[in-house]
Amino acid sequence: PLASFAFTGVDVTAGVSPEEYLVDTVLPGGIEYQILGFMDIDENADLANADPDEGDPVAIPIGGFPMRCADEHITVEFALLLPAGR
């Protein structure tokens, strides 16, 4: 991975989060990136070595995000199914 980041308090239970989140890592432009992610719905991830555990929804990217410059707005969408009752 070129960068690792975490956002707390993201609520997508009612649909798309209205918030925007800044990745404060400098990434070189001119490269296409793929973003992998998971939602720690049971809030037990070790942020120093975060990995999903059973029941955490995992996002698998389809396609990439071309970054033409070091400061560029992109919209990342993950199709996630939350477990029943979440």
PDB file of N, CA and C in Angstrom:
ATOM      1  N   PRO A   1       0.821  -1.217   0.000  1.00  0.00           N
ATOM      2  CA  PRO A   1       0.000   0.000   0.000  1.00  0.00           C
ATOM      3  C   PRO A   1       0.849   1.259   0.000  1.00  0.00           C
ATOM      4  N   LEU A   2       0.355   2.271  -0.689  1.00  0.00           N
ATOM      5  CA  LEU A   2       1.036   3.561  -0.712  1.00  0.00           C
ATOM      6  C   LEU A   2       0.585   4.456   0.428  1.00  0.00           C
ATOM      7  N   ALA A   3      -0.589   4.199   0.944  1.00  0.00           N
ATOM      8  CA  ALA A   3      -1.119   5.020   2.039  1.00  0.00           C
ATOM      9  C   ALA A   3      -2.104   4.184   2.832  1.00  0.00           C
ATOM     10  N   SER A   4      -2.262   4.551   4.068  1.00  0.00           N
ATOM     11  CA  SER A   4      -3.246   3.908   4.928  1.00  0.00           C
ATOM     12  C   SER A   4      -3.961   5.023   5.678  1.00  0.00           C
ATOM     13  N   PHE A   5      -5.265   4.933   5.757  1.00  0.00           N
ATOM     14  CA  PHE A   5      -6.015   5.974   6.441  1.00  0.00           C
ATOM     15  C   PHE A   5      -7.281   5.382   7.030  1.00  0.00           C
ATOM     16  N   ALA A   6      -7.807   6.066   8.029  1.00  0.00           N
ATOM     17  CA  ALA A   6      -9.038   5.628   8.688  1.00  0.00           C
ATOM     18  C   ALA A   6      -9.887   6.849   8.990  1.00  0.00           C
ATOM     19  N   PHE A   7     -11.186   6.684   8.888  1.00  0.00           N
ATOM     20  CA  PHE A   7     -12.129   7.748   9.205  1.00  0.00           C
ATOM     21  C   PHE A   7     -13.096   7.216  10.250  1.00  0.00           C
ATOM     22  N   THR A   8     -13.313   7.964  11.311  1.00  0.00           N
ATOM     23  CA  THR A   8     -14.217   7.527  12.363  1.00  0.00           C
ATOM     24  C   THR A   8     -15.563   8.237  12.229  1.00  0.00           C
ATOM     25  N   GLY A   9     -16.591   7.592  12.735  1.00  0.00           N
ATOM     26  CA  GLY A   9     -17.914   8.203  12.751  1.00  0.00           C
ATOM     27  C   GLY A   9     -18.617   8.253  11.421  1.00  0.00           C
ATOM     28  N   VAL A  10     -18.196   7.469  10.450  1.00  0.00           N
ATOM     29  CA  VAL A  10     -18.858   7.442   9.146  1.00  0.00           C
ATOM     30  C   VAL A  10     -20.149   6.649   9.288  1.00  0.00           C
ATOM     31  N   ASP A  11     -21.263   7.267   8.945  1.00  0.00           N
ATOM     32  CA  ASP A  11     -22.563   6.618   9.075  1.00  0.00           C
ATOM     33  C   ASP A  11     -23.191   6.471   7.699  1.00  0.00           C
ATOM     34  N   VAL A  12     -23.300   5.242   7.242  1.00  0.00           N
ATOM     35  CA  VAL A  12     -23.913   4.984   5.940  1.00  0.00           C
ATOM     36  C   VAL A  12     -25.171   4.129   6.086  1.00  0.00           C
ATOM     37  N   THR A  13     -25.726   4.076   7.297  1.00  0.00           N
ATOM     38  CA  THR A  13     -26.906   3.254   7.516  1.00  0.00           C
ATOM     39  C   THR A  13     -28.130   3.780   6.771  1.00  0.00           C
ATOM     40  N   ALA A  14     -28.159   5.072   6.465  1.00  0.00           N
ATOM     41  CA  ALA A  14     -29.294   5.650   5.743  1.00  0.00           C
ATOM     42  C   ALA A  14     -28.952   5.928   4.284  1.00  0.00           C
ATOM     43  N   GLY A  15     -27.807   5.447   3.815  1.00  0.00           N
ATOM     44  CA  GLY A  15     -27.392   5.691   2.442  1.00  0.00           C
ATOM     45  C   GLY A  15     -26.030   6.353   2.404  1.00  0.00           C
ATOM     46  N   VAL A  16     -25.775   7.097   1.358  1.00  0.00           N
ATOM     47  CA  VAL A  16     -24.478   7.740   1.145  1.00  0.00           C
ATOM     48  C   VAL A  16     -24.189   8.750   2.244  1.00  0.00           C
ATOM     49  N   SER A  17     -22.976   8.722   2.756  1.00  0.00           N
ATOM     50  CA  SER A  17     -22.570   9.692   3.774  1.00  0.00           C
ATOM     51  C   SER A  17     -22.508  11.084   3.148  1.00  0.00           C
ATOM     52  N   PRO A  18     -23.092  12.084   3.792  1.00  0.00           N
ATOM     53  CA  PRO A  18     -23.044  13.434   3.243  1.00  0.00           C
ATOM     54  C   PRO A  18     -21.697  14.116   3.473  1.00  0.00           C
ATOM     55  N   GLU A  19     -20.840  13.506   4.265  1.00  0.00           N
ATOM     56  CA  GLU A  19     -19.544  14.089   4.598  1.00  0.00           C
ATOM     57  C   GLU A  19     -18.513  13.811   3.515  1.00  0.00           C
ATOM     58  N   GLU A  20     -17.517  14.697   3.422  1.00  0.00           N
ATOM     59  CA  GLU A  20     -16.350  14.464   2.582  1.00  0.00           C
ATOM     60  C   GLU A  20     -15.175  14.218   3.507  1.00  0.00           C
ATOM     61  N   TYR A  21     -14.265  13.349   3.097  1.00  0.00           N
ATOM     62  CA  TYR A  21     -13.131  12.983   3.926  1.00  0.00           C
ATOM     63  C   TYR A  21     -11.848  13.222   3.157  1.00  0.00           C
ATOM     64  N   LEU A  22     -10.897  13.850   3.806  1.00  0.00           N
ATOM     65  CA  LEU A  22      -9.626  14.195   3.188  1.00  0.00           C
ATOM     66  C   LEU A  22      -8.575  13.150   3.522  1.00  0.00           C
ATOM     67  N   VAL A  23      -7.932  12.630   2.490  1.00  0.00           N
ATOM     68  CA  VAL A  23      -6.776  11.760   2.686  1.00  0.00           C
ATOM     69  C   VAL A  23      -5.573  12.690   2.726  1.00  0.00           C
ATOM     70  N   ASP A  24      -4.963  12.799   3.898  1.00  0.00           N
ATOM     71  CA  ASP A  24      -3.899  13.787   4.064  1.00  0.00           C
ATOM     72  C   ASP A  24      -2.510  13.236   3.748  1.00  0.00           C
ATOM     73  N   THR A  25      -2.451  12.174   2.961  1.00  0.00           N
ATOM     74  CA  THR A  25      -1.194  11.600   2.508  1.00  0.00           C
ATOM     75  C   THR A  25      -0.890  12.137   1.121  1.00  0.00           C
ATOM     76  N   VAL A  26       0.326  12.544   0.880  1.00  0.00           N
ATOM     77  CA  VAL A  26       0.717  13.039  -0.435  1.00  0.00           C
ATOM     78  C   VAL A  26       0.932  11.841  -1.356  1.00  0.00           C
ATOM     79  N   LEU A  27       0.175  11.795  -2.429  1.00  0.00           N
ATOM     80  CA  LEU A  27       0.298  10.749  -3.427  1.00  0.00           C
ATOM     81  C   LEU A  27       0.727  11.376  -4.743  1.00  0.00           C
ATOM     82  N   PRO A  28       1.645  10.763  -5.450  1.00  0.00           N
ATOM     83  CA  PRO A  28       2.085  11.348  -6.716  1.00  0.00           C
ATOM     84  C   PRO A  28       0.990  11.304  -7.771  1.00  0.00           C
ATOM     85  N   GLY A  29       0.900  12.362  -8.565  1.00  0.00           N
ATOM     86  CA  GLY A  29      -0.047  12.414  -9.665  1.00  0.00           C
ATOM     87  C   GLY A  29       0.443  11.597 -10.834  1.00  0.00           C
ATOM     88  N   GLY A  30      -0.416  11.415 -11.826  1.00  0.00           N
ATOM     89  CA  GLY A  30      -0.049  10.690 -13.026  1.00  0.00           C
ATOM     90  C   GLY A  30      -0.140   9.176 -12.874  1.00  0.00           C
ATOM     91  N   ILE A  31      -0.779   8.734 -11.798  1.00  0.00           N
ATOM     92  CA  ILE A  31      -0.904   7.304 -11.523  1.00  0.00           C
ATOM     93  C   ILE A  31      -2.377   6.994 -11.285  1.00  0.00           C
ATOM     94  N   GLU A  32      -2.795   5.783 -11.666  1.00  0.00           N
ATOM     95  CA  GLU A  32      -4.152   5.352 -11.357  1.00  0.00           C
ATOM     96  C   GLU A  32      -4.098   4.514 -10.083  1.00  0.00           C
ATOM     97  N   TYR A  33      -4.957   4.852  -9.135  1.00  0.00           N
ATOM     98  CA  TYR A  33      -4.978   4.192  -7.837  1.00  0.00           C
ATOM     99  C   TYR A  33      -6.230   3.353  -7.679  1.00  0.00           C
ATOM    100  N   GLN A  34      -6.099   2.277  -6.901  1.00  0.00           N
ATOM    101  CA  GLN A  34      -7.259   1.512  -6.459  1.00  0.00           C
ATOM    102  C   GLN A  34      -7.318   1.636  -4.944  1.00  0.00           C
ATOM    103  N   ILE A  35      -8.519   1.739  -4.435  1.00  0.00           N
ATOM    104  CA  ILE A  35      -8.705   1.919  -2.995  1.00  0.00           C
ATOM    105  C   ILE A  35      -9.435   0.700  -2.448  1.00  0.00           C
ATOM    106  N   LEU A  36      -8.804   0.059  -1.489  1.00  0.00           N
ATOM    107  CA  LEU A  36      -9.410  -1.076  -0.794  1.00  0.00           C
ATOM    108  C   LEU A  36      -9.864  -0.590   0.564  1.00  0.00           C
ATOM    109  N   GLY A  37     -10.896  -1.194   1.095  1.00  0.00           N
ATOM    110  CA  GLY A  37     -11.346  -0.730   2.398  1.00  0.00           C
ATOM    111  C   GLY A  37     -12.264  -1.715   3.081  1.00  0.00           C
ATOM    112  N   PHE A  38     -12.514  -1.430   4.343  1.00  0.00           N
ATOM    113  CA  PHE A  38     -13.489  -2.197   5.096  1.00  0.00           C
ATOM    114  C   PHE A  38     -14.099  -1.293   6.147  1.00  0.00           C
ATOM    115  N   MET A  39     -15.261  -1.685   6.626  1.00  0.00           N
ATOM    116  CA  MET A  39     -15.917  -0.944   7.709  1.00  0.00           C
ATOM    117  C   MET A  39     -15.812  -1.771   8.972  1.00  0.00           C
ATOM    118  N   ASP A  40     -15.197  -1.210   9.987  1.00  0.00           N
ATOM    119  CA  ASP A  40     -15.035  -1.884  11.273  1.00  0.00           C
ATOM    120  C   ASP A  40     -16.315  -1.678  12.078  1.00  0.00           C
ATOM    121  N   ILE A  41     -17.348  -2.450  11.750  1.00  0.00           N
ATOM    122  CA  ILE A  41     -18.661  -2.202  12.354  1.00  0.00           C
ATOM    123  C   ILE A  41     -18.740  -2.613  13.816  1.00  0.00           C
ATOM    124  N   ASP A  42     -17.800  -3.439  14.272  1.00  0.00           N
ATOM    125  CA  ASP A  42     -17.795  -3.788  15.694  1.00  0.00           C
ATOM    126  C   ASP A  42     -16.742  -3.001  16.475  1.00  0.00           C
ATOM    127  N   GLU A  43     -16.095  -2.059  15.795  1.00  0.00           N
ATOM    128  CA  GLU A  43     -15.151  -1.106  16.400  1.00  0.00           C
ATOM    129  C   GLU A  43     -14.068  -1.782  17.240  1.00  0.00           C
ATOM    130  N   ASN A  44     -13.441  -2.826  16.672  1.00  0.00           N
ATOM    131  CA  ASN A  44     -12.367  -3.493  17.395  1.00  0.00           C
ATOM    132  C   ASN A  44     -11.056  -3.539  16.620  1.00  0.00           C
ATOM    133  N   ALA A  45     -10.934  -2.770  15.551  1.00  0.00           N
ATOM    134  CA  ALA A  45      -9.716  -2.789  14.744  1.00  0.00           C
ATOM    135  C   ALA A  45      -8.570  -2.089  15.469  1.00  0.00           C
ATOM    136  N   ASP A  46      -7.392  -2.647  15.316  1.00  0.00           N
ATOM    137  CA  ASP A  46      -6.165  -2.023  15.811  1.00  0.00           C
ATOM    138  C   ASP A  46      -5.695  -1.071  14.717  1.00  0.00           C
ATOM    139  N   LEU A  47      -5.798   0.229  14.934  1.00  0.00           N
ATOM    140  CA  LEU A  47      -5.472   1.194  13.875  1.00  0.00           C
ATOM    141  C   LEU A  47      -4.017   1.135  13.439  1.00  0.00           C
ATOM    142  N   ALA A  48      -3.129   0.582  14.274  1.00  0.00           N
ATOM    143  CA  ALA A  48      -1.732   0.436  13.883  1.00  0.00           C
ATOM    144  C   ALA A  48      -1.551  -0.714  12.896  1.00  0.00           C
ATOM    145  N   ASN A  49      -2.492  -1.650  12.879  1.00  0.00           N
ATOM    146  CA  ASN A  49      -2.423  -2.801  11.991  1.00  0.00           C
ATOM    147  C   ASN A  49      -3.849  -3.264  11.685  1.00  0.00           C
ATOM    148  N   ALA A  50      -4.605  -2.406  11.055  1.00  0.00           N
ATOM    149  CA  ALA A  50      -6.037  -2.658  10.862  1.00  0.00           C
ATOM    150  C   ALA A  50      -6.284  -3.681   9.759  1.00  0.00           C
ATOM    151  N   ASP A  51      -7.070  -4.664  10.091  1.00  0.00           N
ATOM    152  CA  ASP A  51      -7.560  -5.660   9.144  1.00  0.00           C
ATOM    153  C   ASP A  51      -8.993  -5.982   9.520  1.00  0.00           C
ATOM    154  N   PRO A  52      -9.812  -6.335   8.533  1.00  0.00           N
ATOM    155  CA  PRO A  52     -11.189  -6.705   8.873  1.00  0.00           C
ATOM    156  C   PRO A  52     -11.233  -8.052   9.583  1.00  0.00           C
ATOM    157  N   ASP A  53     -12.256  -8.220  10.404  1.00  0.00           N
ATOM    158  CA  ASP A  53     -12.492  -9.533  10.975  1.00  0.00           C
ATOM    159  C   ASP A  53     -13.874 -10.008  10.539  1.00  0.00           C
ATOM    160  N   GLU A  54     -14.267 -11.175  10.966  1.00  0.00           N
ATOM    161  CA  GLU A  54     -15.534 -11.747  10.526  1.00  0.00           C
ATOM    162  C   GLU A  54     -16.696 -10.805  10.821  1.00  0.00           C
ATOM    163  N   GLY A  55     -17.496 -10.532   9.815  1.00  0.00           N
ATOM    164  CA  GLY A  55     -18.637  -9.638   9.959  1.00  0.00           C
ATOM    165  C   GLY A  55     -18.389  -8.221   9.494  1.00  0.00           C
ATOM    166  N   ASP A  56     -17.120  -7.813   9.325  1.00  0.00           N
ATOM    167  CA  ASP A  56     -16.825  -6.468   8.821  1.00  0.00           C
ATOM    168  C   ASP A  56     -16.996  -6.461   7.300  1.00  0.00           C
ATOM    169  N   PRO A  57     -17.846  -5.589   6.755  1.00  0.00           N
ATOM    170  CA  PRO A  57     -17.993  -5.508   5.299  1.00  0.00           C
ATOM    171  C   PRO A  57     -16.685  -5.050   4.650  1.00  0.00           C
ATOM    172  N   VAL A  58     -16.311  -5.722   3.581  1.00  0.00           N
ATOM    173  CA  VAL A  58     -15.075  -5.434   2.866  1.00  0.00           C
ATOM    174  C   VAL A  58     -15.432  -4.935   1.472  1.00  0.00           C
ATOM    175  N   ALA A  59     -14.752  -3.889   1.035  1.00  0.00           N
ATOM    176  CA  ALA A  59     -14.989  -3.332  -0.292  1.00  0.00           C
ATOM    177  C   ALA A  59     -13.910  -3.828  -1.248  1.00  0.00           C
ATOM    178  N   ILE A  60     -14.328  -4.306  -2.393  1.00  0.00           N
ATOM    179  CA  ILE A  60     -13.413  -4.714  -3.441  1.00  0.00           C
ATOM    180  C   ILE A  60     -13.611  -3.732  -4.587  1.00  0.00           C
ATOM    181  N   PRO A  61     -12.548  -3.041  -4.992  1.00  0.00           N
ATOM    182  CA  PRO A  61     -12.723  -1.997  -6.010  1.00  0.00           C
ATOM    183  C   PRO A  61     -12.974  -2.578  -7.395  1.00  0.00           C
ATOM    184  N   ILE A  62     -13.750  -1.837  -8.142  1.00  0.00           N
ATOM    185  CA  ILE A  62     -13.961  -2.148  -9.550  1.00  0.00           C
ATOM    186  C   ILE A  62     -13.447  -0.932 -10.311  1.00  0.00           C
ATOM    187  N   GLY A  63     -12.370  -1.108 -11.026  1.00  0.00           N
ATOM    188  CA  GLY A  63     -11.759   0.012 -11.734  1.00  0.00           C
ATOM    189  C   GLY A  63     -10.816   0.780 -10.834  1.00  0.00           C
ATOM    190  N   GLY A  64     -10.342   1.907 -11.324  1.00  0.00           N
ATOM    191  CA  GLY A  64      -9.390   2.710 -10.588  1.00  0.00           C
ATOM    192  C   GLY A  64      -9.744   4.176 -10.643  1.00  0.00           C
ATOM    193  N   PHE A  65      -8.928   4.949  -9.956  1.00  0.00           N
ATOM    194  CA  PHE A  65      -9.114   6.397  -9.894  1.00  0.00           C
ATOM    195  C   PHE A  65      -7.856   7.063 -10.428  1.00  0.00           C
ATOM    196  N   PRO A  66      -7.913   7.626 -11.649  1.00  0.00           N
ATOM    197  CA  PRO A  66      -6.727   8.297 -12.170  1.00  0.00           C
ATOM    198  C   PRO A  66      -6.499   9.621 -11.447  1.00  0.00           C
ATOM    199  N   MET A  67      -5.312   9.799 -10.937  1.00  0.00           N
ATOM    200  CA  MET A  67      -4.943  11.053 -10.260  1.00  0.00           C
ATOM    201  C   MET A  67      -3.964  11.781 -11.186  1.00  0.00           C
ATOM    202  N   ARG A  68      -4.427  12.860 -11.759  1.00  0.00           N
ATOM    203  CA  ARG A  68      -3.596  13.599 -12.695  1.00  0.00           C
ATOM    204  C   ARG A  68      -2.641  14.553 -11.990  1.00  0.00           C
ATOM    205  N   CYS A  69      -2.989  14.932 -10.765  1.00  0.00           N
ATOM    206  CA  CYS A  69      -2.143  15.839 -10.005  1.00  0.00           C
ATOM    207  C   CYS A  69      -2.182  15.419  -8.540  1.00  0.00           C
ATOM    208  N   ALA A  70      -1.353  16.038  -7.723  1.00  0.00           N
ATOM    209  CA  ALA A  70      -1.248  15.640  -6.320  1.00  0.00           C
ATOM    210  C   ALA A  70      -2.445  16.097  -5.490  1.00  0.00           C
ATOM    211  N   ASP A  71      -3.225  17.067  -5.976  1.00  0.00           N
ATOM    212  CA  ASP A  71      -4.381  17.572  -5.238  1.00  0.00           C
ATOM    213  C   ASP A  71      -5.604  17.452  -6.135  1.00  0.00           C
ATOM    214  N   GLU A  72      -6.333  16.368  -5.976  1.00  0.00           N
ATOM    215  CA  GLU A  72      -7.459  16.118  -6.864  1.00  0.00           C
ATOM    216  C   GLU A  72      -8.619  15.510  -6.087  1.00  0.00           C
ATOM    217  N   HIS A  73      -9.814  15.982  -6.372  1.00  0.00           N
ATOM    218  CA  HIS A  73     -11.025  15.474  -5.735  1.00  0.00           C
ATOM    219  C   HIS A  73     -11.490  14.233  -6.480  1.00  0.00           C
ATOM    220  N   ILE A  74     -11.716  13.146  -5.755  1.00  0.00           N
ATOM    221  CA  ILE A  74     -12.311  11.959  -6.345  1.00  0.00           C
ATOM    222  C   ILE A  74     -13.446  11.508  -5.445  1.00  0.00           C
ATOM    223  N   THR A  75     -14.391  10.826  -6.008  1.00  0.00           N
ATOM    224  CA  THR A  75     -15.486  10.257  -5.241  1.00  0.00           C
ATOM    225  C   THR A  75     -15.320   8.746  -5.256  1.00  0.00           C
ATOM    226  N   VAL A  76     -15.127   8.181  -4.082  1.00  0.00           N
ATOM    227  CA  VAL A  76     -14.960   6.743  -3.948  1.00  0.00           C
ATOM    228  C   VAL A  76     -16.275   6.159  -3.471  1.00  0.00           C
ATOM    229  N   GLU A  77     -16.754   5.172  -4.166  1.00  0.00           N
ATOM    230  CA  GLU A  77     -18.002   4.521  -3.795  1.00  0.00           C
ATOM    231  C   GLU A  77     -17.727   3.050  -3.517  1.00  0.00           C
ATOM    232  N   PHE A  78     -18.235   2.571  -2.407  1.00  0.00           N
ATOM    233  CA  PHE A  78     -18.152   1.161  -2.066  1.00  0.00           C
ATOM    234  C   PHE A  78     -19.565   0.622  -1.963  1.00  0.00           C
ATOM    235  N   ALA A  79     -19.833  -0.459  -2.646  1.00  0.00           N
ATOM    236  CA  ALA A  79     -21.130  -1.119  -2.511  1.00  0.00           C
ATOM    237  C   ALA A  79     -21.016  -2.096  -1.354  1.00  0.00           C
ATOM    238  N   LEU A  80     -21.697  -1.810  -0.266  1.00  0.00           N
ATOM    239  CA  LEU A  80     -21.588  -2.634   0.937  1.00  0.00           C
ATOM    240  C   LEU A  80     -22.972  -3.120   1.365  1.00  0.00           C
ATOM    241  N   LEU A  81     -23.001  -4.340   1.823  1.00  0.00           N
ATOM    242  CA  LEU A  81     -24.183  -4.880   2.444  1.00  0.00           C
ATOM    243  C   LEU A  81     -23.881  -5.047   3.922  1.00  0.00           C
ATOM    244  N   LEU A  82     -24.616  -4.367   4.760  1.00  0.00           N
ATOM    245  CA  LEU A  82     -24.400  -4.487   6.191  1.00  0.00           C
ATOM    246  C   LEU A  82     -25.090  -5.746   6.705  1.00  0.00           C
ATOM    247  N   PRO A  83     -24.480  -6.411   7.690  1.00  0.00           N
ATOM    248  CA  PRO A  83     -25.138  -7.591   8.271  1.00  0.00           C
ATOM    249  C   PRO A  83     -26.488  -7.211   8.876  1.00  0.00           C
ATOM    250  N   ALA A  84     -27.373  -8.168   8.997  1.00  0.00           N
ATOM    251  CA  ALA A  84     -28.702  -7.928   9.561  1.00  0.00           C
ATOM    252  C   ALA A  84     -28.593  -7.267  10.937  1.00  0.00           C
ATOM    253  N   GLY A  85     -29.426  -6.281  11.166  1.00  0.00           N
ATOM    254  CA  GLY A  85     -29.441  -5.585  12.447  1.00  0.00           C
ATOM    255  C   GLY A  85     -28.438  -4.458  12.580  1.00  0.00           C
ATOM    256  N   ARG A  86     -27.694  -4.154  11.518  1.00  0.00           N
ATOM    257  CA  ARG A  86     -26.686  -3.077  11.570  1.00  0.00           C
ATOM    258  C   ARG A  86     -27.158  -1.870  10.823  1.00  0.00           C
TER     259      ARG A  86
END
